[in-house]
Amino acid sequence: MGADKPNGVVNYCRRPPKRPFLQNIQYTIWNPEERTFLGRTPKRWGVIGLIYLVMYICIIIFFSICMCGLMATMDDRVPYFMLADSIIGDNPGMGHRPLLFEEGALIWYHPSNSSQVKKYVDNIDQFLAPYENKSLLINGGVNQIDCGTVKPPREEVCSFDLSQLGPCSKENNYGFTNGTPCIIIKLNRLYAWNPHFYDDPGDLPSNMPPDIKDYINSTKTPEERRKVWLSCMGERPGDVEALGPLKYYPYPGLSEVYYPYDNTAGYLSPIVAVQLLQPKWHQIINIRCRAWARNVHYTDSLKDRLASTHLEIMID
């Protein structure tokens, strides 16, 4: 029985006809009397479909306009927020290698144990791979040049020659097999950060280690002193005694020619290799390495390590 249509108007208040259960299901899907599919006529389905089509087209157009506006204000090389305005801030962090995440900051090995030595050597090899094989860089390192003491043009970057690391080389297993391990230190990249150097030998921090001061005083030109200085020391008096003398390669600093970092393809961070010449065996040595620049903020806190990195080493 179809809908009651007195005077051509559908009466929706009528009692629905009684039908068997299966027939009710059939009529719910397709009602041949009222010619409705799932309760609506083809015309009403067409109107609803048209409304949704127009609505989603408007949403897509509005979203596309918003995305085009957003992308027009962004640069794939320049971050929108920089330095103090960014979450990272304007104080660069520091990192070191080898660093095995399953072992944390502890380096624990015996020089004659090849498997122990290998895992640390492999970790450093992996980090230095782009320095050794420029094909691993996004642009193959075609824009790298030997800068010397002169900053490169905008689209070029300074290369870093691993031969400057002296005995801290892959061929020498970075000193691990000799009981004089090398630690690779780097400053984290921070876009547009320009260091303010301690380049005046007469105006150095009183707490700067004597060996770093001696190196600065031994330099002959202002360009040699325009570096972010790096130093490593034992964290406690016992660690200082056990750590022994250190040697920095190529020198205890990062040259100004690598700054500021501006996200140019092919860029490699400058590094310093710190070799432990006579570390005490059978003892955990806590080491703190830090950066020195006038706009580098450092704290002795073990919890909030600013501009520094912590590691522990034990040679059995």
Protein backbone atom coordinates (compact mmCIF):
# COMPACT_ATOMS: atom_id res chain seq x y z
CA MET A 1 0.00 0.00 0.00
CA GLY A 2 1.46 3.38 -0.97
CA ALA A 3 1.41 6.64 0.91
CA ASP A 4 -1.90 8.39 1.46
CA LYS A 5 -1.99 11.51 -0.72
CA PRO A 6 -5.22 13.34 -0.05
CA ASN A 7 -5.36 16.38 -2.31
CA GLY A 8 -1.90 15.40 -3.57
CA VAL A 9 -0.19 15.92 -0.19
CA VAL A 10 1.69 13.04 1.43
CA ASN A 11 0.34 12.13 4.85
CA TYR A 12 3.37 11.27 7.03
CA CYS A 13 1.24 10.65 10.13
CA ARG A 14 -0.32 7.51 8.75
CA ARG A 15 0.18 4.15 10.39
CA PRO A 16 2.73 2.12 8.43
CA PRO A 17 1.27 -1.00 6.85
CA LYS A 18 1.95 -4.35 8.53
CA ARG A 19 4.24 -6.57 6.51
CA PRO A 20 6.27 -9.71 7.23
CA PHE A 21 9.78 -9.16 8.67
CA LEU A 22 11.68 -9.98 5.49
CA GLN A 23 9.35 -7.84 3.43
CA ASN A 24 9.96 -4.92 5.81
CA ILE A 25 13.68 -5.26 5.16
CA GLN A 26 13.06 -5.39 1.43
CA TYR A 27 10.79 -2.32 1.51
CA THR A 28 13.37 -0.46 3.63
CA ILE A 29 15.90 -0.89 0.85
CA TRP A 30 13.54 -0.44 -2.09
CA ASN A 31 9.91 0.48 -1.81
CA PRO A 32 8.25 -0.22 -5.17
CA GLU A 33 4.99 1.44 -4.09
CA GLU A 34 6.56 4.78 -3.22
CA ARG A 35 9.57 4.20 -5.49
CA THR A 36 12.04 5.12 -2.73
CA PHE A 37 15.55 3.79 -2.07
CA LEU A 38 16.52 3.75 1.62
CA GLY A 39 13.58 6.03 2.34
CA ARG A 40 14.25 8.67 -0.34
CA THR A 41 13.21 9.11 -3.91
CA PRO A 42 15.87 9.43 -6.62
CA LYS A 43 15.11 13.16 -6.85
CA ARG A 44 15.74 13.70 -3.14
CA TRP A 45 18.97 11.63 -3.32
CA GLY A 46 20.06 13.79 -6.24
CA VAL A 47 19.40 17.00 -4.30
CA ILE A 48 21.34 15.72 -1.25
CA GLY A 49 24.21 14.54 -3.45
CA LEU A 50 24.37 17.93 -5.17
CA ILE A 51 24.41 19.74 -1.81
CA TYR A 52 27.33 17.61 -0.53
CA LEU A 53 29.18 17.93 -3.84
CA VAL A 54 29.00 21.71 -3.73
CA MET A 55 29.94 21.75 -0.03
CA TYR A 56 33.05 19.58 -0.49
CA ILE A 57 34.15 21.52 -3.57
CA CYS A 58 33.95 24.72 -1.50
CA ILE A 59 35.94 23.07 1.32
CA ILE A 60 38.64 21.90 -1.13
CA ILE A 61 38.88 25.36 -2.70
CA PHE A 62 39.10 27.05 0.71
CA PHE A 63 41.74 24.55 1.93
CA SER A 64 43.78 25.00 -1.27
CA ILE A 65 43.71 28.79 -0.90
CA CYS A 66 44.90 28.49 2.73
CA MET A 67 47.71 26.08 1.81
CA CYS A 68 48.85 28.26 -1.10
CA GLY A 69 48.93 31.26 1.22
CA LEU A 70 50.89 29.31 3.83
CA MET A 71 53.42 27.92 1.34
CA ALA A 72 53.90 31.38 -0.17
CA THR A 73 55.16 32.63 3.20
CA MET A 74 57.55 29.70 3.78
CA ASP A 75 61.07 29.02 2.53
CA ASP A 76 62.47 25.49 2.29
CA ARG A 77 65.84 26.79 3.50
CA VAL A 78 64.91 29.48 5.98
CA PRO A 79 62.90 28.53 9.09
CA TYR A 80 59.99 30.79 10.01
CA PHE A 81 61.16 31.09 13.62
CA MET A 82 64.87 31.45 14.36
CA LEU A 83 67.18 31.65 17.36
CA ALA A 84 65.45 33.15 20.43
CA ASP A 85 62.04 33.06 18.70
CA SER A 86 62.26 29.31 18.08
CA ILE A 87 61.71 26.37 20.41
CA ILE A 88 65.40 25.41 20.09
CA GLY A 89 66.55 28.85 21.22
CA ASP A 90 69.79 30.69 20.49
CA ASN A 91 72.18 28.51 22.49
CA PRO A 92 73.69 25.65 20.44
CA GLY A 93 73.94 22.19 21.92
CA MET A 94 76.90 19.86 21.64
CA GLY A 95 77.29 16.22 20.67
CA HIS A 96 80.00 13.58 20.58
CA ARG A 97 80.88 10.27 18.97
CA PRO A 98 81.08 7.38 19.61
CA LEU A 99 77.61 7.29 21.07
CA LEU A 100 75.79 3.97 21.27
CA PHE A 101 72.22 4.57 22.35
CA GLU A 102 71.91 1.17 24.01
CA GLU A 103 74.89 2.04 26.23
CA GLY A 104 74.19 5.72 26.76
CA ALA A 105 77.20 7.95 27.34
CA LEU A 106 79.43 5.12 28.61
CA ILE A 107 82.39 3.94 26.50
CA TRP A 108 83.63 0.69 28.05
CA TYR A 109 86.11 -1.57 26.30
CA HIS A 110 89.45 -3.37 26.39
CA PRO A 111 91.99 -2.48 23.67
CA SER A 112 92.67 -6.12 22.84
CA ASN A 113 88.97 -7.03 22.53
CA SER A 114 88.36 -6.57 18.80
CA SER A 115 84.55 -6.88 19.03
CA GLN A 116 84.35 -4.16 21.68
CA VAL A 117 86.68 -1.88 19.74
CA LYS A 118 84.82 -2.50 16.48
CA LYS A 119 81.45 -1.24 17.70
CA TYR A 120 82.92 2.11 18.69
CA VAL A 121 85.03 2.40 15.55
CA ASP A 122 82.00 1.55 13.39
CA ASN A 123 79.93 4.21 15.17
CA ILE A 124 82.52 6.89 14.41
CA ASP A 125 82.89 5.59 10.83
CA GLN A 126 79.16 5.95 10.30
CA PHE A 127 79.22 9.53 11.58
CA LEU A 128 82.22 10.49 9.44
CA ALA A 129 81.01 8.74 6.28
CA PRO A 130 79.71 11.96 4.58
CA TYR A 131 83.05 13.64 5.32
CA GLU A 132 84.91 10.80 3.61
CA ASN A 133 82.44 10.03 0.81
CA LYS A 134 80.81 13.20 -0.53
CA SER A 135 78.42 11.19 -2.71
CA LEU A 136 76.41 10.58 0.47
CA LEU A 137 75.54 14.28 0.60
CA ILE A 138 72.32 15.50 -0.98
CA ASN A 139 74.19 17.33 -3.75
CA GLY A 140 77.30 15.18 -3.83
CA GLY A 141 79.32 17.94 -2.20
CA VAL A 142 79.91 19.68 -5.54
CA ASN A 143 79.81 23.10 -3.86
CA GLN A 144 82.44 22.34 -1.21
CA ILE A 145 85.62 24.37 -1.34
CA ASP A 146 88.77 24.65 0.74
CA CYS A 147 88.07 27.90 2.59
CA GLY A 148 91.23 28.38 4.60
CA THR A 149 90.47 31.49 6.69
CA VAL A 150 88.00 33.10 4.24
CA LYS A 151 84.24 32.58 4.43
CA PRO A 152 82.74 31.04 1.26
CA PRO A 153 80.20 32.70 -1.07
CA ARG A 154 76.48 32.20 -0.37
CA GLU A 155 75.95 29.02 -2.39
CA GLU A 156 79.23 27.33 -1.42
CA VAL A 157 80.32 25.64 1.81
CA CYS A 158 83.63 24.79 3.43
CA SER A 159 84.95 21.26 3.17
CA PHE A 160 86.49 19.45 6.12
CA ASP A 161 89.59 17.34 5.51
CA LEU A 162 89.70 14.30 7.80
CA SER A 163 93.47 14.14 7.42
CA GLN A 164 93.57 17.07 9.86
CA LEU A 165 92.59 14.67 12.65
CA GLY A 166 96.10 13.18 12.75
CA PRO A 167 96.27 9.89 14.68
CA CYS A 168 92.50 10.03 15.25
CA SER A 169 91.97 8.29 11.92
CA LYS A 170 90.09 5.29 10.63
CA GLU A 171 93.38 3.52 9.81
CA ASN A 172 94.44 3.93 13.44
CA ASN A 173 91.04 2.77 14.75
CA TYR A 174 90.73 6.26 16.28
CA GLY A 175 93.28 5.28 18.92
CA PHE A 176 91.04 2.69 20.59
CA THR A 177 93.40 -0.23 20.01
CA ASN A 178 96.28 1.74 21.55
CA GLY A 179 94.45 2.66 24.73
CA THR A 180 94.45 6.33 23.61
CA PRO A 181 90.87 6.70 22.33
CA CYS A 182 89.68 9.71 20.35
CA ILE A 183 86.36 11.43 20.94
CA ILE A 184 84.78 13.37 18.08
CA ILE A 185 83.16 16.61 19.27
CA LYS A 186 80.78 18.78 17.28
CA LEU A 187 78.53 21.77 17.88
CA ASN A 188 74.92 21.25 16.87
CA ARG A 189 73.66 23.19 13.87
CA LEU A 190 71.67 26.31 14.72
CA TYR A 191 70.32 28.32 11.82
CA ALA A 192 71.67 31.90 11.53
CA TRP A 193 73.70 31.62 14.74
CA ASN A 194 76.84 33.77 14.65
CA PRO A 195 79.37 33.15 17.43
CA HIS A 196 80.95 36.05 19.29
CA PHE A 197 84.52 34.91 19.71
CA TYR A 198 87.00 35.07 22.54
CA ASP A 199 89.64 36.39 20.15
CA ASP A 200 91.50 38.71 22.52
CA PRO A 201 94.27 36.90 24.46
CA GLY A 202 94.05 39.61 27.11
CA ASP A 203 90.32 39.10 27.67
CA LEU A 204 89.78 35.38 28.22
CA PRO A 205 87.48 33.83 30.86
CA SER A 206 89.23 33.14 34.14
CA ASN A 207 87.85 29.58 34.23
CA MET A 208 89.04 28.66 30.73
CA PRO A 209 91.42 25.65 30.92
CA PRO A 210 95.12 26.61 30.82
CA ASP A 211 95.87 24.47 27.76
CA ILE A 212 93.21 26.33 25.72
CA LYS A 213 94.59 29.68 26.90
CA ASP A 214 98.09 28.57 25.95
CA TYR A 215 96.93 27.68 22.45
CA ILE A 216 95.18 31.04 22.01
CA ASN A 217 98.26 32.87 23.22
CA SER A 218 100.41 30.91 20.76
CA THR A 219 98.41 32.04 17.72
CA LYS A 220 99.96 34.68 15.49
CA THR A 221 97.04 36.12 13.49
CA PRO A 222 93.54 37.38 14.41
CA GLU A 223 92.00 34.83 11.99
CA GLU A 224 93.51 31.97 13.99
CA ARG A 225 91.75 33.25 17.10
CA ARG A 226 88.31 33.63 15.53
CA LYS A 227 87.05 30.24 16.65
CA VAL A 228 84.46 28.72 18.95
CA TRP A 229 86.86 27.15 21.43
CA LEU A 230 86.26 23.65 22.76
CA SER A 231 87.64 22.03 25.90
CA CYS A 232 87.24 18.76 27.74
CA MET A 233 87.87 18.16 31.44
CA GLY A 234 87.13 15.64 34.15
CA GLU A 235 83.96 16.50 36.01
CA ARG A 236 85.36 15.87 39.49
CA PRO A 237 88.87 16.11 40.97
CA GLY A 238 89.27 12.34 40.73
CA ASP A 239 88.20 12.43 37.08
CA VAL A 240 90.65 15.24 36.31
CA GLU A 241 93.52 13.19 37.71
CA ALA A 242 92.43 10.00 35.91
CA LEU A 243 91.79 11.73 32.57
CA GLY A 244 95.38 12.82 32.04
CA PRO A 245 96.63 15.04 29.20
CA LEU A 246 94.57 15.67 26.06
CA LYS A 247 95.41 16.50 22.47
CA TYR A 248 93.02 18.33 20.13
CA TYR A 249 93.00 17.81 16.35
CA PRO A 250 93.29 19.87 14.25
CA TYR A 251 93.05 22.50 17.04
CA PRO A 252 90.76 23.09 20.04
CA GLY A 253 88.21 25.15 18.17
CA LEU A 254 85.74 25.52 15.30
CA SER A 255 86.68 28.09 12.67
CA GLU A 256 84.47 31.08 11.86
CA VAL A 257 84.35 30.06 8.18
CA TYR A 258 81.67 27.47 9.02
CA TYR A 259 79.32 30.06 10.54
CA PRO A 260 76.58 31.03 10.27
CA TYR A 261 74.86 27.81 9.22
CA ASP A 262 72.23 28.69 6.58
CA ASN A 263 71.01 25.27 5.41
CA THR A 264 73.06 25.30 2.21
CA ALA A 265 73.20 21.86 0.61
CA GLY A 266 76.49 20.03 1.10
CA TYR A 267 77.24 21.65 4.46
CA LEU A 268 79.25 19.58 6.94
CA SER A 269 79.64 20.58 10.58
CA PRO A 270 83.21 21.28 11.70
CA ILE A 271 84.54 18.75 14.21
CA VAL A 272 87.34 18.39 16.72
CA ALA A 273 88.96 15.10 17.70
CA VAL A 274 90.02 14.93 21.35
CA GLN A 275 92.56 12.22 22.09
CA LEU A 276 93.08 10.89 25.61
CA LEU A 277 96.84 10.41 25.76
CA GLN A 278 97.23 8.71 29.16
CA PRO A 279 93.82 7.83 30.61
CA LYS A 280 93.78 5.78 33.77
CA TRP A 281 92.62 2.20 33.28
CA HIS A 282 90.07 0.22 35.34
CA GLN A 283 88.23 3.36 36.38
CA ILE A 284 85.16 5.17 35.05
CA ILE A 285 86.20 8.68 34.03
CA ASN A 286 83.45 11.29 33.79
CA ILE A 287 84.24 13.85 31.11
CA ARG A 288 82.51 17.13 30.27
CA CYS A 289 83.28 18.88 26.98
CA ARG A 290 82.03 22.42 26.44
CA ALA A 291 82.07 25.32 23.99
CA TRP A 292 83.53 28.77 24.61
CA ALA A 293 82.08 31.90 22.98
CA ARG A 294 80.73 35.15 24.36
CA ASN A 295 77.17 34.28 23.31
CA VAL A 296 77.34 30.66 24.46
CA HIS A 297 75.56 30.11 27.77
CA TYR A 298 77.04 27.29 29.83
CA THR A 299 75.85 25.70 33.05
CA ASP A 300 77.57 23.19 35.35
CA SER A 301 74.25 21.46 35.96
CA LEU A 302 74.27 17.75 35.14
CA LYS A 303 70.55 17.90 34.41
CA ASP A 304 70.42 20.91 32.08
CA ARG A 305 73.61 20.64 30.05
CA LEU A 306 73.87 23.79 27.97
CA ALA A 307 76.55 24.05 25.27
CA SER A 308 78.24 20.91 26.57
CA THR A 309 78.22 17.14 26.30
CA HIS A 310 78.87 14.48 28.92
CA LEU A 311 80.52 11.10 28.43
CA GLU A 312 82.05 8.38 30.54
CA ILE A 313 84.93 6.13 29.54
CA MET A 314 86.37 3.04 31.15
CA ILE A 315 89.31 1.08 29.75
CA ASP A 316 89.63 -2.38 31.32
